[in-house]
Amino acid sequence: MSSASRPSPAEGRTEATAGAGPVRRRNRHGRSGRGPAVLPGDLPAPLPLGRGPHRTRSERFDDLVLDVADALVERWTGELADVEWAVEDVPRVEADAAEVPLTRLLPAQPGEGPDEAGTPPRVVVFRRPLELRARDRDELAALLHTVVVERVAELLRLPPEDVDPAYDPGDEPRD
């Protein structure tokens, strides 16, 4: 077949598309266009940040601390109403320190002037030392419960067994 008998590429096109080059039915990777069968339908509403299955380890740890704190505050409403709860990743310790603390109790500080209220007591929980001592989430929850109850018992000047009947001193950290 001679080149004269071949139809030109411009034949069969409208004037608007005549100069646009050859018409492609597929993209450059050999796939056809997407139709209604593969287009997404109604997508679910996005979850707010920090919610859902993609929570960080830190956020899950914060939830554990809040669960323990809420249970203790519910039991000791009057005594623990002003207590602040905090989570830090690691404690600040001296280089030659023999032990790494798991929690810290910062007592209330009175205000310096008549108009200043002072600072309430604060229980600080250190995330990484606790996570390193637990094998799994259940063991972490039990260890966290034990150390927080011990700090609250120190704050209330009571034995830990009186602060929470579920206290189990067998949940000591392993070395």
C-alpha atoms as a PDB file:
ATOM      1  CA  MET A   1       0.000   0.000   0.000  1.00  0.00           C
ATOM      2  CA  SER A   2       1.391   3.319  -0.949  1.00  0.00           C
ATOM      3  CA  SER A   3       1.570   6.285   1.277  1.00  0.00           C
ATOM      4  CA  ALA A   4      -0.789   8.157  -1.012  1.00  0.00           C
ATOM      5  CA  SER A   5      -3.634   5.725  -0.362  1.00  0.00           C
ATOM      6  CA  ARG A   6      -3.355   5.989   3.424  1.00  0.00           C
ATOM      7  CA  PRO A   7      -5.754   8.362   5.116  1.00  0.00           C
ATOM      8  CA  SER A   8      -4.065  11.353   6.621  1.00  0.00           C
ATOM      9  CA  PRO A   9      -4.062  11.699  10.408  1.00  0.00           C
ATOM     10  CA  ALA A  10      -6.166  14.838  10.120  1.00  0.00           C
ATOM     11  CA  GLU A  11      -9.042  13.079   8.336  1.00  0.00           C
ATOM     12  CA  GLY A  12     -11.991  12.225  10.551  1.00  0.00           C
ATOM     13  CA  ARG A  13     -11.293  15.022  13.002  1.00  0.00           C
ATOM     14  CA  THR A  14     -13.256  18.140  13.604  1.00  0.00           C
ATOM     15  CA  GLU A  15     -11.706  21.524  12.999  1.00  0.00           C
ATOM     16  CA  ALA A  16     -11.251  22.052  16.725  1.00  0.00           C
ATOM     17  CA  THR A  17      -9.126  18.924  17.084  1.00  0.00           C
ATOM     18  CA  ALA A  18      -7.508  18.865  13.657  1.00  0.00           C
ATOM     19  CA  GLY A  19      -4.224  20.387  14.745  1.00  0.00           C
ATOM     20  CA  ALA A  20      -4.002  18.650  18.105  1.00  0.00           C
ATOM     21  CA  GLY A  21      -2.125  15.562  16.932  1.00  0.00           C
ATOM     22  CA  PRO A  22      -3.200  11.927  17.079  1.00  0.00           C
ATOM     23  CA  VAL A  23      -6.140  11.014  19.316  1.00  0.00           C
ATOM     24  CA  ARG A  24      -5.140   8.731  22.159  1.00  0.00           C
ATOM     25  CA  ARG A  25      -7.508   6.221  23.568  1.00  0.00           C
ATOM     26  CA  ARG A  26      -5.161   5.160  26.364  1.00  0.00           C
ATOM     27  CA  ASN A  27      -2.735   7.010  28.549  1.00  0.00           C
ATOM     28  CA  ARG A  28       0.993   6.575  28.121  1.00  0.00           C
ATOM     29  CA  HIS A  29       1.105   3.595  30.514  1.00  0.00           C
ATOM     30  CA  GLY A  30      -1.367   1.623  28.435  1.00  0.00           C
ATOM     31  CA  ARG A  31      -4.298   1.957  30.799  1.00  0.00           C
ATOM     32  CA  SER A  32      -7.618   3.299  29.737  1.00  0.00           C
ATOM     33  CA  GLY A  33      -9.393   6.178  31.405  1.00  0.00           C
ATOM     34  CA  ARG A  34     -11.192   5.611  34.638  1.00  0.00           C
ATOM     35  CA  GLY A  35     -14.898   5.178  34.450  1.00  0.00           C
ATOM     36  CA  PRO A  36     -17.700   5.082  36.983  1.00  0.00           C
ATOM     37  CA  ALA A  37     -16.827   1.518  37.976  1.00  0.00           C
ATOM     38  CA  VAL A  38     -13.525   2.552  39.552  1.00  0.00           C
ATOM     39  CA  LEU A  39     -14.199   6.088  40.686  1.00  0.00           C
ATOM     40  CA  PRO A  40     -14.694   6.378  44.438  1.00  0.00           C
ATOM     41  CA  GLY A  41     -18.225   6.923  45.584  1.00  0.00           C
ATOM     42  CA  ASP A  42     -19.162   8.630  48.782  1.00  0.00           C
ATOM     43  CA  LEU A  43     -16.070   8.611  50.953  1.00  0.00           C
ATOM     44  CA  PRO A  44     -16.457   8.430  54.716  1.00  0.00           C
ATOM     45  CA  ALA A  45     -15.829  11.638  56.594  1.00  0.00           C
ATOM     46  CA  PRO A  46     -12.188  11.902  57.694  1.00  0.00           C
ATOM     47  CA  LEU A  47     -11.490  11.226  61.342  1.00  0.00           C
ATOM     48  CA  PRO A  48     -10.153  14.112  63.410  1.00  0.00           C
ATOM     49  CA  LEU A  49      -6.431  14.055  64.041  1.00  0.00           C
ATOM     50  CA  GLY A  50      -5.475  11.805  66.902  1.00  0.00           C
ATOM     51  CA  ARG A  51      -8.546   9.585  66.583  1.00  0.00           C
ATOM     52  CA  GLY A  52      -9.070   6.224  64.978  1.00  0.00           C
ATOM     53  CA  PRO A  53      -6.782   3.293  64.339  1.00  0.00           C
ATOM     54  CA  HIS A  54      -3.751   5.358  63.357  1.00  0.00           C
ATOM     55  CA  ARG A  55      -2.952   6.729  66.799  1.00  0.00           C
ATOM     56  CA  THR A  56       0.669   7.067  67.806  1.00  0.00           C
ATOM     57  CA  ARG A  57       2.223   5.113  70.620  1.00  0.00           C
ATOM     58  CA  SER A  58       2.436   8.328  72.625  1.00  0.00           C
ATOM     59  CA  GLU A  59      -1.298   9.010  72.177  1.00  0.00           C
ATOM     60  CA  ARG A  60      -2.174   5.462  73.246  1.00  0.00           C
ATOM     61  CA  PHE A  61       0.038   5.869  76.330  1.00  0.00           C
ATOM     62  CA  ASP A  62      -1.698   9.153  77.186  1.00  0.00           C
ATOM     63  CA  ASP A  63      -5.022   7.304  77.019  1.00  0.00           C
ATOM     64  CA  LEU A  64      -3.743   4.703  79.482  1.00  0.00           C
ATOM     65  CA  VAL A  65      -2.631   7.421  81.904  1.00  0.00           C
ATOM     66  CA  LEU A  66      -5.995   9.174  81.622  1.00  0.00           C
ATOM     67  CA  ASP A  67      -7.842   5.907  82.282  1.00  0.00           C
ATOM     68  CA  VAL A  68      -5.898   5.319  85.502  1.00  0.00           C
ATOM     69  CA  ALA A  69      -6.157   8.972  86.551  1.00  0.00           C
ATOM     70  CA  ASP A  70      -9.914   9.122  85.869  1.00  0.00           C
ATOM     71  CA  ALA A  71     -10.528   6.012  87.955  1.00  0.00           C
ATOM     72  CA  LEU A  72      -8.527   7.421  90.869  1.00  0.00           C
ATOM     73  CA  VAL A  73     -10.112  10.886  90.643  1.00  0.00           C
ATOM     74  CA  GLU A  74     -13.562   9.287  90.592  1.00  0.00           C
ATOM     75  CA  ARG A  75     -12.737   7.377  93.784  1.00  0.00           C
ATOM     76  CA  TRP A  76     -10.972  10.313  95.512  1.00  0.00           C
ATOM     77  CA  THR A  77     -12.876  13.255  94.054  1.00  0.00           C
ATOM     78  CA  GLY A  78     -12.272  15.758  96.841  1.00  0.00           C
ATOM     79  CA  GLU A  79      -8.632  14.924  97.460  1.00  0.00           C
ATOM     80  CA  LEU A  80      -7.536  14.710  93.797  1.00  0.00           C
ATOM     81  CA  ALA A  81      -9.703  17.435  92.264  1.00  0.00           C
ATOM     82  CA  ASP A  82      -6.785  19.882  91.900  1.00  0.00           C
ATOM     83  CA  VAL A  83      -4.095  17.388  90.903  1.00  0.00           C
ATOM     84  CA  GLU A  84      -2.520  17.933  87.497  1.00  0.00           C
ATOM     85  CA  TRP A  85      -1.527  14.904  85.440  1.00  0.00           C
ATOM     86  CA  ALA A  86       1.400  15.111  83.029  1.00  0.00           C
ATOM     87  CA  VAL A  87       3.234  12.748  80.699  1.00  0.00           C
ATOM     88  CA  GLU A  88       6.816  13.306  79.617  1.00  0.00           C
ATOM     89  CA  ASP A  89       8.876  11.092  77.370  1.00  0.00           C
ATOM     90  CA  VAL A  90      11.943  10.737  79.590  1.00  0.00           C
ATOM     91  CA  PRO A  91      13.008  12.165  82.943  1.00  0.00           C
ATOM     92  CA  ARG A  92      15.973  14.452  83.357  1.00  0.00           C
ATOM     93  CA  VAL A  93      18.571  12.574  85.355  1.00  0.00           C
ATOM     94  CA  GLU A  94      22.231  13.044  86.123  1.00  0.00           C
ATOM     95  CA  ALA A  95      24.667  11.035  84.017  1.00  0.00           C
ATOM     96  CA  ASP A  96      25.787   8.997  87.032  1.00  0.00           C
ATOM     97  CA  ALA A  97      22.263   8.325  88.371  1.00  0.00           C
ATOM     98  CA  ALA A  98      21.760   4.789  89.675  1.00  0.00           C
ATOM     99  CA  GLU A  99      18.051   4.624  88.797  1.00  0.00           C
ATOM    100  CA  VAL A 100      15.713   6.129  86.246  1.00  0.00           C
ATOM    101  CA  PRO A 101      12.422   7.290  87.797  1.00  0.00           C
ATOM    102  CA  LEU A 102       9.158   6.021  86.307  1.00  0.00           C
ATOM    103  CA  THR A 103       7.033   8.774  87.854  1.00  0.00           C
ATOM    104  CA  ARG A 104       7.553  11.909  89.849  1.00  0.00           C
ATOM    105  CA  LEU A 105       5.353  13.712  92.356  1.00  0.00           C
ATOM    106  CA  LEU A 106       5.678  17.474  92.448  1.00  0.00           C
ATOM    107  CA  PRO A 107       3.980  18.767  95.605  1.00  0.00           C
ATOM    108  CA  ALA A 108       1.764  21.826  95.646  1.00  0.00           C
ATOM    109  CA  GLN A 109       3.572  25.142  95.910  1.00  0.00           C
ATOM    110  CA  PRO A 110       1.887  28.002  97.761  1.00  0.00           C
ATOM    111  CA  GLY A 111       1.620  31.376  96.057  1.00  0.00           C
ATOM    112  CA  GLU A 112       4.159  34.033  96.979  1.00  0.00           C
ATOM    113  CA  GLY A 113       1.700  36.897  97.273  1.00  0.00           C
ATOM    114  CA  PRO A 114      -1.847  37.247  98.545  1.00  0.00           C
ATOM    115  CA  ASP A 115      -3.198  37.339  94.975  1.00  0.00           C
ATOM    116  CA  GLU A 116      -1.252  34.316  93.738  1.00  0.00           C
ATOM    117  CA  ALA A 117      -2.883  30.915  94.067  1.00  0.00           C
ATOM    118  CA  GLY A 118       0.292  28.855  93.755  1.00  0.00           C
ATOM    119  CA  THR A 119       0.621  25.610  91.822  1.00  0.00           C
ATOM    120  CA  PRO A 120      -1.376  22.446  92.482  1.00  0.00           C
ATOM    121  CA  PRO A 121       0.304  19.077  93.011  1.00  0.00           C
ATOM    122  CA  ARG A 122       1.377  17.324  89.827  1.00  0.00           C
ATOM    123  CA  VAL A 123       1.903  13.652  89.029  1.00  0.00           C
ATOM    124  CA  VAL A 124       4.351  13.240  86.147  1.00  0.00           C
ATOM    125  CA  VAL A 125       4.544   9.889  84.348  1.00  0.00           C
ATOM    126  CA  PHE A 126       7.564   9.091  82.173  1.00  0.00           C
ATOM    127  CA  ARG A 127       6.540   7.187  79.055  1.00  0.00           C
ATOM    128  CA  ARG A 128       9.747   5.641  77.688  1.00  0.00           C
ATOM    129  CA  PRO A 129      11.078   4.086  80.926  1.00  0.00           C
ATOM    130  CA  LEU A 130       7.689   2.425  81.482  1.00  0.00           C
ATOM    131  CA  GLU A 131       7.401   1.203  77.900  1.00  0.00           C
ATOM    132  CA  LEU A 132      10.876  -0.314  78.056  1.00  0.00           C
ATOM    133  CA  ARG A 133       9.949  -2.312  81.152  1.00  0.00           C
ATOM    134  CA  ALA A 134       6.734  -3.788  79.731  1.00  0.00           C
ATOM    135  CA  ARG A 135       6.513  -6.633  77.224  1.00  0.00           C
ATOM    136  CA  ASP A 136       3.069  -5.750  75.848  1.00  0.00           C
ATOM    137  CA  ARG A 137       0.175  -3.322  76.233  1.00  0.00           C
ATOM    138  CA  ASP A 138      -1.483  -5.285  79.046  1.00  0.00           C
ATOM    139  CA  GLU A 139       1.714  -5.404  81.072  1.00  0.00           C
ATOM    140  CA  LEU A 140       2.251  -1.698  80.417  1.00  0.00           C
ATOM    141  CA  ALA A 141      -1.276  -0.911  81.678  1.00  0.00           C
ATOM    142  CA  ALA A 142      -0.715  -2.965  84.845  1.00  0.00           C
ATOM    143  CA  LEU A 143       2.694  -1.389  85.504  1.00  0.00           C
ATOM    144  CA  LEU A 144       1.329   2.082  84.860  1.00  0.00           C
ATOM    145  CA  HIS A 145      -1.550   1.457  87.271  1.00  0.00           C
ATOM    146  CA  THR A 146       0.872   0.308  89.969  1.00  0.00           C
ATOM    147  CA  VAL A 147       3.257   3.271  89.741  1.00  0.00           C
ATOM    148  CA  VAL A 148       0.473   5.882  89.510  1.00  0.00           C
ATOM    149  CA  VAL A 149      -1.353   4.413  92.516  1.00  0.00           C
ATOM    150  CA  GLU A 150       1.922   4.502  94.467  1.00  0.00           C
ATOM    151  CA  ARG A 151       2.413   8.206  93.640  1.00  0.00           C
ATOM    152  CA  VAL A 152      -1.160   9.056  94.583  1.00  0.00           C
ATOM    153  CA  ALA A 153      -0.739   7.098  97.819  1.00  0.00           C
ATOM    154  CA  GLU A 154       2.375   9.164  98.528  1.00  0.00           C
ATOM    155  CA  LEU A 155       0.394  12.350  97.851  1.00  0.00           C
ATOM    156  CA  LEU A 156      -2.503  11.292 100.095  1.00  0.00           C
ATOM    157  CA  ARG A 157      -0.177   9.808 102.730  1.00  0.00           C
ATOM    158  CA  LEU A 158      -2.045   6.494 102.648  1.00  0.00           C
ATOM    159  CA  PRO A 159      -1.018   2.923 101.874  1.00  0.00           C
ATOM    160  CA  PRO A 160      -1.467   2.067  98.175  1.00  0.00           C
ATOM    161  CA  GLU A 161      -3.960  -0.693  99.048  1.00  0.00           C
ATOM    162  CA  ASP A 162      -6.251   1.947 100.594  1.00  0.00           C
ATOM    163  CA  VAL A 163      -5.973   4.244  97.585  1.00  0.00           C
ATOM    164  CA  ASP A 164      -7.081   1.551  95.122  1.00  0.00           C
ATOM    165  CA  PRO A 165      -8.247  -1.952  96.066  1.00  0.00           C
ATOM    166  CA  ALA A 166      -7.073  -3.197  92.657  1.00  0.00           C
ATOM    167  CA  TYR A 167      -3.471  -2.246  93.527  1.00  0.00           C
ATOM    168  CA  ASP A 168      -1.157  -5.187  92.976  1.00  0.00           C
ATOM    169  CA  PRO A 169       2.422  -4.759  94.189  1.00  0.00           C
ATOM    170  CA  GLY A 170       3.296  -7.799  92.055  1.00  0.00           C
ATOM    171  CA  ASP A 171       3.354  -5.494  89.027  1.00  0.00           C
ATOM    172  CA  GLU A 172       6.837  -4.339  89.933  1.00  0.00           C
ATOM    173  CA  PRO A 173       9.025  -3.310  87.011  1.00  0.00           C
ATOM    174  CA  ARG A 174      11.329  -5.995  85.736  1.00  0.00           C
ATOM    175  CA  ASP A 175      15.018  -5.257  85.207  1.00  0.00           C
END
